[in-house]
């Protein structure tokens, strides 16, 4: 494709993107536009467009494509710009995993206070961070425990403590929590009954 054909094809695709609002066809146009930029080695335009695709579709593969267009040093700044665009989005967690930003991942998971989310990501975190994982579980449980809940929730918390003990070989963190909760939440009968399962281990 010569330069004139490239400009004509690019113009047609850009016009299609402006007028098409349907998700499926619009995504196909975007992917065709990306391939056009790659084939013509229009790297600077491609960088900008891949950033748009990442924002639209939250796709790790596209993020890797963008990363490959930069040197390691150059991408450092771009990476943090992208991180800032997803401050309150679950995609940020995937980016932290991709870049092995384990401390940032753990901090973010703690802030979200979602046990299921932590459980989903913990297997991807290296073994050297086991103590940090236990600490994040503790932080989330303590936040959640501030409000009374029902027996099913208390049972889930007890199971989480049992899971924490798989990491914490001395069980010290969990034992301290149990001691603290037995005094702080002594009036919550259902909670204390469910925690007995952990205490007996």
Protein backbone atom coordinates (compact mmCIF):
# COMPACT_ATOMS: atom_id res chain seq x y z
CA UNK A 1 0.00 0.00 0.00
CA UNK A 2 1.49 3.35 -1.06
CA UNK A 3 1.16 6.54 0.97
CA UNK A 4 -1.90 7.79 -0.93
CA UNK A 5 -3.76 4.48 -0.45
CA UNK A 6 -2.79 4.46 3.21
CA UNK A 7 -4.15 7.96 3.79
CA UNK A 8 -7.38 7.08 1.96
CA UNK A 9 -7.87 3.87 3.98
CA UNK A 10 -7.08 5.71 7.20
CA UNK A 11 -9.57 8.45 6.36
CA UNK A 12 -12.31 5.89 5.64
CA UNK A 13 -11.73 4.04 8.91
CA UNK A 14 -11.60 7.27 10.91
CA UNK A 15 -14.92 8.31 9.36
CA UNK A 16 -16.43 4.91 10.15
CA UNK A 17 -15.31 5.25 13.78
CA UNK A 18 -16.98 8.64 14.02
CA UNK A 19 -20.32 7.45 12.68
CA UNK A 20 -20.57 3.87 14.03
CA UNK A 21 -21.88 3.59 17.59
CA UNK A 22 -22.60 -0.17 17.71
CA UNK A 23 -20.14 -1.99 20.00
CA UNK A 24 -19.34 -4.98 17.76
CA UNK A 25 -18.76 -3.20 14.42
CA UNK A 26 -17.02 -0.28 16.18
CA UNK A 27 -14.53 -2.65 17.81
CA UNK A 28 -13.85 -4.32 14.44
CA UNK A 29 -13.17 -0.91 12.87
CA UNK A 30 -10.76 -0.10 15.68
CA UNK A 31 -8.87 -3.36 15.22
CA UNK A 32 -8.65 -2.76 11.44
CA UNK A 33 -7.37 0.74 12.13
CA UNK A 34 -4.74 -0.68 14.48
CA UNK A 35 -3.58 -3.20 11.84
CA UNK A 36 -3.39 -0.40 9.28
CA UNK A 37 -1.12 1.64 11.56
CA UNK A 38 1.06 -1.42 12.25
CA UNK A 39 1.41 -2.28 8.55
CA UNK A 40 2.41 1.28 7.73
CA UNK A 41 4.74 1.53 10.75
CA UNK A 42 3.02 4.71 11.87
CA UNK A 43 4.39 4.21 15.37
CA UNK A 44 3.54 7.54 16.97
CA UNK A 45 -0.10 7.38 15.87
CA UNK A 46 -0.19 3.73 16.93
CA UNK A 47 1.01 4.61 20.45
CA UNK A 48 -1.81 7.11 20.88
CA UNK A 49 -4.39 4.72 19.43
CA UNK A 50 -3.31 1.78 21.60
CA UNK A 51 -3.76 4.00 24.67
CA UNK A 52 -7.32 4.64 23.50
CA UNK A 53 -7.92 0.90 23.00
CA UNK A 54 -6.63 0.11 26.48
CA UNK A 55 -8.98 2.68 27.95
CA UNK A 56 -11.94 1.38 25.93
CA UNK A 57 -11.47 -2.38 26.30
CA UNK A 58 -9.16 -2.85 29.32
CA UNK A 59 -7.14 -5.48 27.49
CA UNK A 60 -3.77 -6.69 28.82
CA UNK A 61 -2.61 -7.90 25.40
CA UNK A 62 -3.07 -4.39 24.00
CA UNK A 63 -1.14 -3.04 26.97
CA UNK A 64 1.72 -5.42 26.10
CA UNK A 65 1.64 -4.27 22.47
CA UNK A 66 1.98 -0.68 23.62
CA UNK A 67 4.81 -1.57 26.01
CA UNK A 68 6.75 -3.21 23.17
CA UNK A 69 6.81 0.09 21.29
CA UNK A 70 8.93 1.74 23.98
CA UNK A 71 12.29 1.18 25.57
CA UNK A 72 12.21 0.04 29.20
CA UNK A 73 13.15 3.53 30.40
CA UNK A 74 10.65 5.32 28.16
CA UNK A 75 7.77 3.11 29.22
CA UNK A 76 8.29 3.72 32.93
CA UNK A 77 6.64 7.14 32.71
CA UNK A 78 3.94 5.96 30.29
CA UNK A 79 3.10 3.07 32.62
CA UNK A 80 2.39 5.37 35.56
CA UNK A 81 0.26 7.61 33.35
CA UNK A 82 -1.83 4.57 32.43
CA UNK A 83 -2.03 3.51 36.08
CA UNK A 84 -3.45 6.93 36.97
CA UNK A 85 -6.18 6.56 34.33
CA UNK A 86 -7.53 3.45 36.10
CA UNK A 87 -7.31 4.60 39.73
CA UNK A 88 -10.75 3.27 40.68
CA UNK A 89 -11.02 0.47 38.14
CA UNK A 90 -10.44 -3.27 38.64
CA UNK A 91 -8.25 -3.23 35.53
CA UNK A 92 -5.60 -1.47 37.62
CA UNK A 93 -5.19 -4.69 39.61
CA UNK A 94 -4.43 -6.59 36.39
CA UNK A 95 -1.88 -3.94 35.45
CA UNK A 96 -0.16 -4.29 38.83
CA UNK A 97 0.07 -8.06 38.29
CA UNK A 98 1.40 -7.57 34.77
CA UNK A 99 4.12 -5.23 36.05
CA UNK A 100 4.79 -7.23 39.24
CA UNK A 101 3.91 -4.26 41.42
CA UNK A 102 3.02 -6.52 44.33
CA UNK A 103 3.11 -3.91 47.08
CA UNK A 104 0.80 -1.62 45.08
CA UNK A 105 -1.51 -4.55 44.37
CA UNK A 106 -1.73 -5.46 48.05
CA UNK A 107 -2.31 -1.86 49.10
CA UNK A 108 -5.09 -1.50 46.55
CA UNK A 109 -6.71 -4.77 47.59
CA UNK A 110 -6.65 -3.63 51.21
CA UNK A 111 -8.35 -0.35 50.28
CA UNK A 112 -11.10 -2.20 48.40
CA UNK A 113 -11.91 -4.37 51.44
CA UNK A 114 -13.20 -7.19 49.24
CA UNK A 115 -12.30 -10.69 50.47
CA UNK A 116 -13.34 -12.32 47.19
CA UNK A 117 -11.10 -9.98 45.20
CA UNK A 118 -8.13 -10.69 47.46
CA UNK A 119 -8.80 -14.42 47.21
CA UNK A 120 -8.84 -14.14 43.42
CA UNK A 121 -5.47 -12.36 43.21
CA UNK A 122 -3.49 -13.92 46.06
CA UNK A 123 -2.39 -16.97 44.05
CA UNK A 124 -0.57 -14.68 41.62
CA UNK A 125 1.46 -13.00 44.36
CA UNK A 126 4.95 -14.48 45.01
CA UNK A 127 5.61 -16.54 48.13
CA UNK A 128 7.88 -13.86 49.62
CA UNK A 129 4.78 -11.71 50.21
CA UNK A 130 2.85 -14.28 52.27
CA UNK A 131 3.09 -12.19 55.45
CA UNK A 132 1.72 -9.19 53.54
CA UNK A 133 -1.20 -11.26 52.24
CA UNK A 134 -2.08 -12.31 55.79
CA UNK A 135 -1.86 -8.67 56.90
CA UNK A 136 -4.24 -7.56 54.13
CA UNK A 137 -6.72 -10.30 55.10
CA UNK A 138 -6.51 -9.02 58.67
CA UNK A 139 -7.09 -5.41 57.60
CA UNK A 140 -10.13 -6.33 55.51
CA UNK A 141 -11.65 -8.52 58.23
CA UNK A 142 -11.17 -5.84 60.87
CA UNK A 143 -12.82 -3.22 58.65
CA UNK A 144 -15.73 -5.53 57.88
CA UNK A 145 -16.15 -6.57 61.50
CA UNK A 146 -16.89 -3.01 62.59
CA UNK A 147 -20.47 -3.61 61.48
CA UNK A 148 -22.57 -6.49 62.78
CA UNK A 149 -23.50 -9.12 60.20
CA UNK A 150 -25.40 -12.42 59.99
CA UNK A 151 -24.23 -15.94 60.78
CA UNK A 152 -23.35 -16.76 57.16
CA UNK A 153 -20.99 -13.79 57.03
CA UNK A 154 -19.42 -14.75 60.35
CA UNK A 155 -18.91 -18.27 58.99
CA UNK A 156 -17.16 -16.79 55.95
CA UNK A 157 -14.89 -14.74 58.24
CA UNK A 158 -14.05 -17.86 60.27
CA UNK A 159 -13.18 -19.73 57.06
CA UNK A 160 -11.00 -16.81 56.00
CA UNK A 161 -9.12 -17.00 59.30
CA UNK A 162 -8.56 -20.72 58.75
CA UNK A 163 -7.22 -19.89 55.29
CA UNK A 164 -4.91 -17.24 56.80
CA UNK A 165 -3.44 -19.88 59.10
CA UNK A 166 -2.25 -21.78 56.03
CA UNK A 167 0.15 -18.88 55.46
CA UNK A 168 0.84 -17.90 59.06
CA UNK A 169 2.52 -21.08 60.34
CA UNK A 170 2.61 -19.89 63.93
CA UNK A 171 -1.03 -18.75 63.66
CA UNK A 172 0.00 -15.71 65.68
CA UNK A 173 -1.89 -13.10 63.65
CA UNK A 174 -5.11 -15.12 63.78
CA UNK A 175 -4.72 -15.93 67.49
CA UNK A 176 -4.31 -12.23 68.29
CA UNK A 177 -7.41 -11.41 66.24
CA UNK A 178 -9.45 -14.08 68.01
CA UNK A 179 -8.38 -12.80 71.42
CA UNK A 180 -9.20 -9.22 70.45
CA UNK A 181 -12.56 -10.09 68.89
CA UNK A 182 -13.63 -12.25 71.84
CA UNK A 183 -13.52 -9.13 74.01
CA UNK A 184 -14.52 -6.45 71.50
CA UNK A 185 -17.49 -8.35 70.05
CA UNK A 186 -18.47 -10.46 73.05
CA UNK A 187 -22.14 -9.50 72.61
CA UNK A 188 -22.29 -10.99 69.09
CA UNK A 189 -23.26 -14.53 69.98
CA UNK A 190 -23.43 -15.90 66.43
CA UNK A 191 -19.98 -14.50 65.67
CA UNK A 192 -18.43 -16.02 68.80
CA UNK A 193 -19.99 -19.40 68.01
CA UNK A 194 -18.57 -19.42 64.48
CA UNK A 195 -15.14 -18.34 65.71
CA UNK A 196 -15.04 -21.37 68.03
CA UNK A 197 -14.28 -23.48 64.93
CA UNK A 198 -11.06 -21.48 64.48
CA UNK A 199 -10.19 -21.45 68.18
CA UNK A 200 -10.34 -25.25 68.34
CA UNK A 201 -7.77 -25.71 65.58
